[in-house]
């Protein structure tokens, strides 16, 4: 049985990938997201939360400025405390 959190994670990440595939997210933007997540020690829940945040921010103004890897790492450390 799939938990609702697992389903929400899959939906956020699938939606991010889907928007990239249909051209709603530029290749450079998608590369920035995946590189940022790859360079941090983010858990699957944190990755999904960032994907959801990214999609929400993209919908709000069409462009998202990516945090630096060390900045996201600091944010994750604060959130985990």
PDB file of N, CA and C in Angstrom:
ATOM      1  N   UNK A   1       0.836  -1.178   0.000  1.00  0.00           N
ATOM      2  CA  UNK A   1       0.000   0.000   0.000  1.00  0.00           C
ATOM      3  C   UNK A   1       0.887   1.249   0.000  1.00  0.00           C
ATOM      4  N   UNK A   2       0.577   2.189  -0.841  1.00  0.00           N
ATOM      5  CA  UNK A   2       1.349   3.415  -0.968  1.00  0.00           C
ATOM      6  C   UNK A   2       0.795   4.464  -0.017  1.00  0.00           C
ATOM      7  N   UNK A   3       1.675   5.099   0.747  1.00  0.00           N
ATOM      8  CA  UNK A   3       1.220   6.149   1.651  1.00  0.00           C
ATOM      9  C   UNK A   3       0.922   7.415   0.865  1.00  0.00           C
ATOM     10  N   UNK A   4       0.126   8.305   1.472  1.00  0.00           N
ATOM     11  CA  UNK A   4      -0.208   9.545   0.783  1.00  0.00           C
ATOM     12  C   UNK A   4       1.024  10.419   0.596  1.00  0.00           C
ATOM     13  N   UNK A   5       1.977  10.361   1.547  1.00  0.00           N
ATOM     14  CA  UNK A   5       3.213  11.138   1.388  1.00  0.00           C
ATOM     15  C   UNK A   5       4.036  10.628   0.220  1.00  0.00           C
ATOM     16  N   UNK A   6       4.117   9.318   0.055  1.00  0.00           N
ATOM     17  CA  UNK A   6       4.864   8.754  -1.070  1.00  0.00           C
ATOM     18  C   UNK A   6       4.216   9.147  -2.377  1.00  0.00           C
ATOM     19  N   UNK A   7       2.896   9.143  -2.402  1.00  0.00           N
ATOM     20  CA  UNK A   7       2.169   9.522  -3.614  1.00  0.00           C
ATOM     21  C   UNK A   7       2.397  10.990  -3.929  1.00  0.00           C
ATOM     22  N   UNK A   8       2.349  11.858  -2.916  1.00  0.00           N
ATOM     23  CA  UNK A   8       2.582  13.281  -3.140  1.00  0.00           C
ATOM     24  C   UNK A   8       3.992  13.536  -3.644  1.00  0.00           C
ATOM     25  N   UNK A   9       4.980  12.809  -3.095  1.00  0.00           N
ATOM     26  CA  UNK A   9       6.364  12.952  -3.563  1.00  0.00           C
ATOM     27  C   UNK A   9       6.453  12.578  -5.029  1.00  0.00           C
ATOM     28  N   UNK A  10       5.872  11.438  -5.373  1.00  0.00           N
ATOM     29  CA  UNK A  10       5.927  10.970  -6.754  1.00  0.00           C
ATOM     30  C   UNK A  10       5.236  11.967  -7.677  1.00  0.00           C
ATOM     31  N   UNK A  11       4.130  12.539  -7.226  1.00  0.00           N
ATOM     32  CA  UNK A  11       3.408  13.493  -8.064  1.00  0.00           C
ATOM     33  C   UNK A  11       4.228  14.752  -8.315  1.00  0.00           C
ATOM     34  N   UNK A  12       4.869  15.287  -7.288  1.00  0.00           N
ATOM     35  CA  UNK A  12       5.659  16.508  -7.464  1.00  0.00           C
ATOM     36  C   UNK A  12       6.830  16.264  -8.415  1.00  0.00           C
ATOM     37  N   UNK A  13       7.525  15.170  -8.213  1.00  0.00           N
ATOM     38  CA  UNK A  13       8.671  14.870  -9.068  1.00  0.00           C
ATOM     39  C   UNK A  13       8.231  14.503 -10.481  1.00  0.00           C
ATOM     40  N   UNK A  14       7.131  13.780 -10.601  1.00  0.00           N
ATOM     41  CA  UNK A  14       6.613  13.433 -11.927  1.00  0.00           C
ATOM     42  C   UNK A  14       6.130  14.668 -12.671  1.00  0.00           C
ATOM     43  N   UNK A  15       5.485  15.558 -11.955  1.00  0.00           N
ATOM     44  CA  UNK A  15       5.015  16.792 -12.579  1.00  0.00           C
ATOM     45  C   UNK A  15       6.191  17.634 -13.056  1.00  0.00           C
ATOM     46  N   UNK A  16       7.234  17.712 -12.252  1.00  0.00           N
ATOM     47  CA  UNK A  16       8.433  18.447 -12.647  1.00  0.00           C
ATOM     48  C   UNK A  16       9.024  17.850 -13.926  1.00  0.00           C
ATOM     49  N   UNK A  17       9.173  16.541 -13.954  1.00  0.00           N
ATOM     50  CA  UNK A  17       9.703  15.873 -15.142  1.00  0.00           C
ATOM     51  C   UNK A  17       8.773  16.062 -16.338  1.00  0.00           C
ATOM     52  N   UNK A  18       7.488  15.931 -16.118  1.00  0.00           N
ATOM     53  CA  UNK A  18       6.518  16.097 -17.206  1.00  0.00           C
ATOM     54  C   UNK A  18       6.557  17.489 -17.805  1.00  0.00           C
ATOM     55  N   UNK A  19       6.651  18.498 -16.955  1.00  0.00           N
ATOM     56  CA  UNK A  19       6.720  19.873 -17.461  1.00  0.00           C
ATOM     57  C   UNK A  19       8.005  20.105 -18.245  1.00  0.00           C
ATOM     58  N   UNK A  20       9.075  19.431 -17.853  1.00  0.00           N
ATOM     59  CA  UNK A  20      10.320  19.518 -18.614  1.00  0.00           C
ATOM     60  C   UNK A  20      10.161  18.843 -19.974  1.00  0.00           C
ATOM     61  N   UNK A  21       9.561  17.668 -19.987  1.00  0.00           N
ATOM     62  CA  UNK A  21       9.407  16.906 -21.231  1.00  0.00           C
ATOM     63  C   UNK A  21       8.581  17.666 -22.267  1.00  0.00           C
ATOM     64  N   UNK A  22       7.512  18.329 -21.817  1.00  0.00           N
ATOM     65  CA  UNK A  22       6.663  19.051 -22.775  1.00  0.00           C
ATOM     66  C   UNK A  22       7.174  20.455 -23.086  1.00  0.00           C
ATOM     67  N   UNK A  23       8.311  20.819 -22.509  1.00  0.00           N
ATOM     68  CA  UNK A  23       8.938  22.089 -22.848  1.00  0.00           C
ATOM     69  C   UNK A  23       8.512  23.270 -21.999  1.00  0.00           C
ATOM     70  N   UNK A  24       7.798  23.032 -20.910  1.00  0.00           N
ATOM     71  CA  UNK A  24       7.391  24.131 -20.028  1.00  0.00           C
ATOM     72  C   UNK A  24       8.516  24.551 -19.095  1.00  0.00           C
ATOM     73  N   UNK A  25       9.500  23.705 -18.938  1.00  0.00           N
ATOM     74  CA  UNK A  25      10.692  24.023 -18.160  1.00  0.00           C
ATOM     75  C   UNK A  25      11.887  23.835 -19.092  1.00  0.00           C
ATOM     76  N   UNK A  26      12.688  24.867 -19.202  1.00  0.00           N
ATOM     77  CA  UNK A  26      13.842  24.817 -20.103  1.00  0.00           C
ATOM     78  C   UNK A  26      14.861  23.795 -19.605  1.00  0.00           C
ATOM     79  N   UNK A  27      15.642  23.294 -20.532  1.00  0.00           N
ATOM     80  CA  UNK A  27      16.657  22.298 -20.191  1.00  0.00           C
ATOM     81  C   UNK A  27      17.635  22.827 -19.144  1.00  0.00           C
ATOM     82  N   UNK A  28      18.029  24.083 -19.293  1.00  0.00           N
ATOM     83  CA  UNK A  28      18.969  24.662 -18.328  1.00  0.00           C
ATOM     84  C   UNK A  28      18.346  24.742 -16.935  1.00  0.00           C
ATOM     85  N   UNK A  29      17.068  25.094 -16.857  1.00  0.00           N
ATOM     86  CA  UNK A  29      16.386  25.151 -15.564  1.00  0.00           C
ATOM     87  C   UNK A  29      16.311  23.764 -14.929  1.00  0.00           C
ATOM     88  N   UNK A  30      15.942  22.774 -15.730  1.00  0.00           N
ATOM     89  CA  UNK A  30      15.824  21.408 -15.219  1.00  0.00           C
ATOM     90  C   UNK A  30      17.185  20.895 -14.763  1.00  0.00           C
ATOM     91  N   UNK A  31      18.214  21.216 -15.528  1.00  0.00           N
ATOM     92  CA  UNK A  31      19.569  20.804 -15.151  1.00  0.00           C
ATOM     93  C   UNK A  31      19.977  21.456 -13.839  1.00  0.00           C
ATOM     94  N   UNK A  32      19.604  22.725 -13.647  1.00  0.00           N
ATOM     95  CA  UNK A  32      19.920  23.414 -12.394  1.00  0.00           C
ATOM     96  C   UNK A  32      19.249  22.722 -11.205  1.00  0.00           C
ATOM     97  N   UNK A  33      17.988  22.335 -11.370  1.00  0.00           N
ATOM     98  CA  UNK A  33      17.252  21.660 -10.289  1.00  0.00           C
ATOM     99  C   UNK A  33      17.902  20.324  -9.968  1.00  0.00           C
ATOM    100  N   UNK A  34      18.133  19.518 -10.983  1.00  0.00           N
ATOM    101  CA  UNK A  34      18.682  18.182 -10.735  1.00  0.00           C
ATOM    102  C   UNK A  34      20.102  18.266 -10.179  1.00  0.00           C
ATOM    103  N   UNK A  35      20.898  19.200 -10.676  1.00  0.00           N
ATOM    104  CA  UNK A  35      22.263  19.363 -10.171  1.00  0.00           C
ATOM    105  C   UNK A  35      22.240  19.789  -8.704  1.00  0.00           C
ATOM    106  N   UNK A  36      21.364  20.728  -8.386  1.00  0.00           N
ATOM    107  CA  UNK A  36      21.266  21.192  -7.008  1.00  0.00           C
ATOM    108  C   UNK A  36      20.879  20.054  -6.071  1.00  0.00           C
ATOM    109  N   UNK A  37      19.907  19.267  -6.464  1.00  0.00           N
ATOM    110  CA  UNK A  37      19.471  18.158  -5.618  1.00  0.00           C
ATOM    111  C   UNK A  37      20.540  17.073  -5.521  1.00  0.00           C
ATOM    112  N   UNK A  38      21.263  16.850  -6.598  1.00  0.00           N
ATOM    113  CA  UNK A  38      22.327  15.845  -6.586  1.00  0.00           C
ATOM    114  C   UNK A  38      23.488  16.256  -5.683  1.00  0.00           C
ATOM    115  N   UNK A  39      23.719  17.558  -5.556  1.00  0.00           N
ATOM    116  CA  UNK A  39      24.860  18.043  -4.794  1.00  0.00           C
ATOM    117  C   UNK A  39      24.563  18.209  -3.299  1.00  0.00           C
ATOM    118  N   UNK A  40      23.323  18.006  -2.900  1.00  0.00           N
ATOM    119  CA  UNK A  40      22.981  18.101  -1.483  1.00  0.00           C
ATOM    120  C   UNK A  40      22.684  16.712  -0.952  1.00  0.00           C
ATOM    121  N   UNK A  41      22.565  16.618   0.343  1.00  0.00           N
ATOM    122  CA  UNK A  41      22.207  15.340   0.953  1.00  0.00           C
ATOM    123  C   UNK A  41      20.715  15.305   1.275  1.00  0.00           C
ATOM    124  N   UNK A  42      19.914  15.902   0.412  1.00  0.00           N
ATOM    125  CA  UNK A  42      18.473  15.984   0.629  1.00  0.00           C
ATOM    126  C   UNK A  42      17.835  14.599   0.609  1.00  0.00           C
ATOM    127  N   UNK A  43      16.927  14.398   1.559  1.00  0.00           N
ATOM    128  CA  UNK A  43      16.167  13.144   1.597  1.00  0.00           C
ATOM    129  C   UNK A  43      15.137  13.157   0.469  1.00  0.00           C
ATOM    130  N   UNK A  44      14.475  12.044   0.258  1.00  0.00           N
ATOM    131  CA  UNK A  44      13.452  11.988  -0.790  1.00  0.00           C
ATOM    132  C   UNK A  44      12.313  12.960  -0.489  1.00  0.00           C
ATOM    133  N   UNK A  45      11.963  13.101   0.797  1.00  0.00           N
ATOM    134  CA  UNK A  45      10.918  14.046   1.172  1.00  0.00           C
ATOM    135  C   UNK A  45      11.352  15.481   0.892  1.00  0.00           C
ATOM    136  N   UNK A  46      12.606  15.788   1.185  1.00  0.00           N
ATOM    137  CA  UNK A  46      13.122  17.136   0.937  1.00  0.00           C
ATOM    138  C   UNK A  46      13.228  17.417  -0.558  1.00  0.00           C
ATOM    139  N   UNK A  47      13.594  16.422  -1.321  1.00  0.00           N
ATOM    140  CA  UNK A  47      13.653  16.595  -2.783  1.00  0.00           C
ATOM    141  C   UNK A  47      12.267  16.885  -3.341  1.00  0.00           C
ATOM    142  N   UNK A  48      11.282  16.142  -2.865  1.00  0.00           N
ATOM    143  CA  UNK A  48       9.911  16.351  -3.319  1.00  0.00           C
ATOM    144  C   UNK A  48       9.399  17.722  -2.889  1.00  0.00           C
ATOM    145  N   UNK A  49       9.726  18.138  -1.678  1.00  0.00           N
ATOM    146  CA  UNK A  49       9.316  19.457  -1.202  1.00  0.00           C
ATOM    147  C   UNK A  49       9.945  20.553  -2.055  1.00  0.00           C
ATOM    148  N   UNK A  50      11.211  20.386  -2.412  1.00  0.00           N
ATOM    149  CA  UNK A  50      11.866  21.376  -3.256  1.00  0.00           C
ATOM    150  C   UNK A  50      11.245  21.381  -4.647  1.00  0.00           C
ATOM    151  N   UNK A  51      10.926  20.216  -5.176  1.00  0.00           N
ATOM    152  CA  UNK A  51      10.266  20.138  -6.485  1.00  0.00           C
ATOM    153  C   UNK A  51       8.926  20.865  -6.446  1.00  0.00           C
ATOM    154  N   UNK A  52       8.156  20.665  -5.365  1.00  0.00           N
ATOM    155  CA  UNK A  52       6.868  21.333  -5.210  1.00  0.00           C
ATOM    156  C   UNK A  52       7.068  22.848  -5.107  1.00  0.00           C
ATOM    157  N   UNK A  53       8.042  23.264  -4.296  1.00  0.00           N
ATOM    158  CA  UNK A  53       8.363  24.691  -4.169  1.00  0.00           C
ATOM    159  C   UNK A  53       8.748  25.273  -5.533  1.00  0.00           C
ATOM    160  N   UNK A  54       9.606  24.568  -6.242  1.00  0.00           N
ATOM    161  CA  UNK A  54      10.070  25.053  -7.545  1.00  0.00           C
ATOM    162  C   UNK A  54       8.900  25.220  -8.506  1.00  0.00           C
ATOM    163  N   UNK A  55       8.022  24.225  -8.558  1.00  0.00           N
ATOM    164  CA  UNK A  55       6.858  24.298  -9.445  1.00  0.00           C
ATOM    165  C   UNK A  55       5.932  25.440  -9.050  1.00  0.00           C
ATOM    166  N   UNK A  56       5.713  25.629  -7.751  1.00  0.00           N
ATOM    167  CA  UNK A  56       4.865  26.721  -7.283  1.00  0.00           C
ATOM    168  C   UNK A  56       5.472  28.072  -7.636  1.00  0.00           C
ATOM    169  N   UNK A  57       6.773  28.225  -7.415  1.00  0.00           N
ATOM    170  CA  UNK A  57       7.454  29.483  -7.724  1.00  0.00           C
ATOM    171  C   UNK A  57       7.447  29.741  -9.227  1.00  0.00           C
ATOM    172  N   UNK A  58       7.613  28.715 -10.014  1.00  0.00           N
ATOM    173  CA  UNK A  58       7.602  28.846 -11.461  1.00  0.00           C
ATOM    174  C   UNK A  58       6.223  29.302 -11.944  1.00  0.00           C
ATOM    175  N   UNK A  59       5.183  28.777 -11.332  1.00  0.00           N
ATOM    176  CA  UNK A  59       3.820  29.158 -11.699  1.00  0.00           C
ATOM    177  C   UNK A  59       3.527  30.603 -11.318  1.00  0.00           C
ATOM    178  N   UNK A  60       4.141  31.063 -10.235  1.00  0.00           N
ATOM    179  CA  UNK A  60       3.877  32.409  -9.735  1.00  0.00           C
ATOM    180  C   UNK A  60       4.449  33.495 -10.645  1.00  0.00           C
ATOM    181  N   UNK A  61       5.687  33.321 -11.091  1.00  0.00           N
ATOM    182  CA  UNK A  61       6.278  34.395 -11.893  1.00  0.00           C
ATOM    183  C   UNK A  61       7.027  33.932 -13.138  1.00  0.00           C
ATOM    184  N   UNK A  62       7.047  32.645 -13.388  1.00  0.00           N
ATOM    185  CA  UNK A  62       7.646  32.139 -14.615  1.00  0.00           C
ATOM    186  C   UNK A  62       9.145  31.940 -14.595  1.00  0.00           C
ATOM    187  N   UNK A  63       9.802  32.461 -13.564  1.00  0.00           N
ATOM    188  CA  UNK A  63      11.253  32.284 -13.482  1.00  0.00           C
ATOM    189  C   UNK A  63      11.634  32.101 -12.012  1.00  0.00           C
ATOM    190  N   UNK A  64      12.515  31.163 -11.781  1.00  0.00           N
ATOM    191  CA  UNK A  64      12.944  30.879 -10.414  1.00  0.00           C
ATOM    192  C   UNK A  64      14.455  31.017 -10.358  1.00  0.00           C
ATOM    193  N   UNK A  65      14.926  31.779  -9.401  1.00  0.00           N
ATOM    194  CA  UNK A  65      16.364  31.890  -9.178  1.00  0.00           C
ATOM    195  C   UNK A  65      16.755  30.778  -8.228  1.00  0.00           C
ATOM    196  N   UNK A  66      17.673  29.945  -8.670  1.00  0.00           N
ATOM    197  CA  UNK A  66      18.087  28.784  -7.889  1.00  0.00           C
ATOM    198  C   UNK A  66      19.034  29.192  -6.777  1.00  0.00           C
ATOM    199  N   UNK A  67      18.821  28.627  -5.592  1.00  0.00           N
ATOM    200  CA  UNK A  67      19.789  28.886  -4.518  1.00  0.00           C
ATOM    201  C   UNK A  67      21.101  28.174  -4.821  1.00  0.00           C
ATOM    202  N   UNK A  68      22.171  28.634  -4.211  1.00  0.00           N
ATOM    203  CA  UNK A  68      23.446  27.944  -4.329  1.00  0.00           C
ATOM    204  C   UNK A  68      23.366  26.664  -3.507  1.00  0.00           C
ATOM    205  N   UNK A  69      24.164  25.689  -3.870  1.00  0.00           N
ATOM    206  CA  UNK A  69      24.155  24.400  -3.177  1.00  0.00           C
ATOM    207  C   UNK A  69      24.367  24.582  -1.684  1.00  0.00           C
ATOM    208  N   UNK A  70      25.332  25.408  -1.312  1.00  0.00           N
ATOM    209  CA  UNK A  70      25.594  25.584   0.117  1.00  0.00           C
ATOM    210  C   UNK A  70      24.431  26.278   0.826  1.00  0.00           C
ATOM    211  N   UNK A  71      23.723  27.165   0.114  1.00  0.00           N
ATOM    212  CA  UNK A  71      22.566  27.828   0.709  1.00  0.00           C
ATOM    213  C   UNK A  71      21.437  26.828   0.956  1.00  0.00           C
ATOM    214  N   UNK A  72      21.186  25.963  -0.022  1.00  0.00           N
ATOM    215  CA  UNK A  72      20.148  24.952   0.179  1.00  0.00           C
ATOM    216  C   UNK A  72      20.544  24.005   1.304  1.00  0.00           C
ATOM    217  N   UNK A  73      21.819  23.648   1.376  1.00  0.00           N
ATOM    218  CA  UNK A  73      22.294  22.798   2.457  1.00  0.00           C
ATOM    219  C   UNK A  73      22.043  23.424   3.822  1.00  0.00           C
ATOM    220  N   UNK A  74      22.295  24.732   3.929  1.00  0.00           N
ATOM    221  CA  UNK A  74      22.039  25.444   5.193  1.00  0.00           C
ATOM    222  C   UNK A  74      20.553  25.480   5.516  1.00  0.00           C
ATOM    223  N   UNK A  75      19.728  25.705   4.524  1.00  0.00           N
ATOM    224  CA  UNK A  75      18.273  25.716   4.722  1.00  0.00           C
ATOM    225  C   UNK A  75      17.799  24.350   5.207  1.00  0.00           C
ATOM    226  N   UNK A  76      18.308  23.294   4.595  1.00  0.00           N
ATOM    227  CA  UNK A  76      17.928  21.943   5.016  1.00  0.00           C
ATOM    228  C   UNK A  76      18.376  21.657   6.440  1.00  0.00           C
ATOM    229  N   UNK A  77      19.570  22.110   6.800  1.00  0.00           N
ATOM    230  CA  UNK A  77      20.055  21.904   8.170  1.00  0.00           C
ATOM    231  C   UNK A  77      19.179  22.625   9.183  1.00  0.00           C
ATOM    232  N   UNK A  78      18.751  23.838   8.856  1.00  0.00           N
ATOM    233  CA  UNK A  78      17.871  24.590   9.750  1.00  0.00           C
ATOM    234  C   UNK A  78      16.528  23.880   9.886  1.00  0.00           C
ATOM    235  N   UNK A  79      15.982  23.430   8.760  1.00  0.00           N
ATOM    236  CA  UNK A  79      14.691  22.754   8.784  1.00  0.00           C
ATOM    237  C   UNK A  79      14.745  21.440   9.566  1.00  0.00           C
ATOM    238  N   UNK A  80      15.880  20.771   9.536  1.00  0.00           N
ATOM    239  CA  UNK A  80      16.034  19.490  10.221  1.00  0.00           C
ATOM    240  C   UNK A  80      16.209  19.662  11.729  1.00  0.00           C
ATOM    241  N   UNK A  81      16.641  20.836  12.167  1.00  0.00           N
ATOM    242  CA  UNK A  81      16.930  21.067  13.597  1.00  0.00           C
ATOM    243  C   UNK A  81      15.665  21.115  14.441  1.00  0.00           C
TER     244      UNK A  81
END
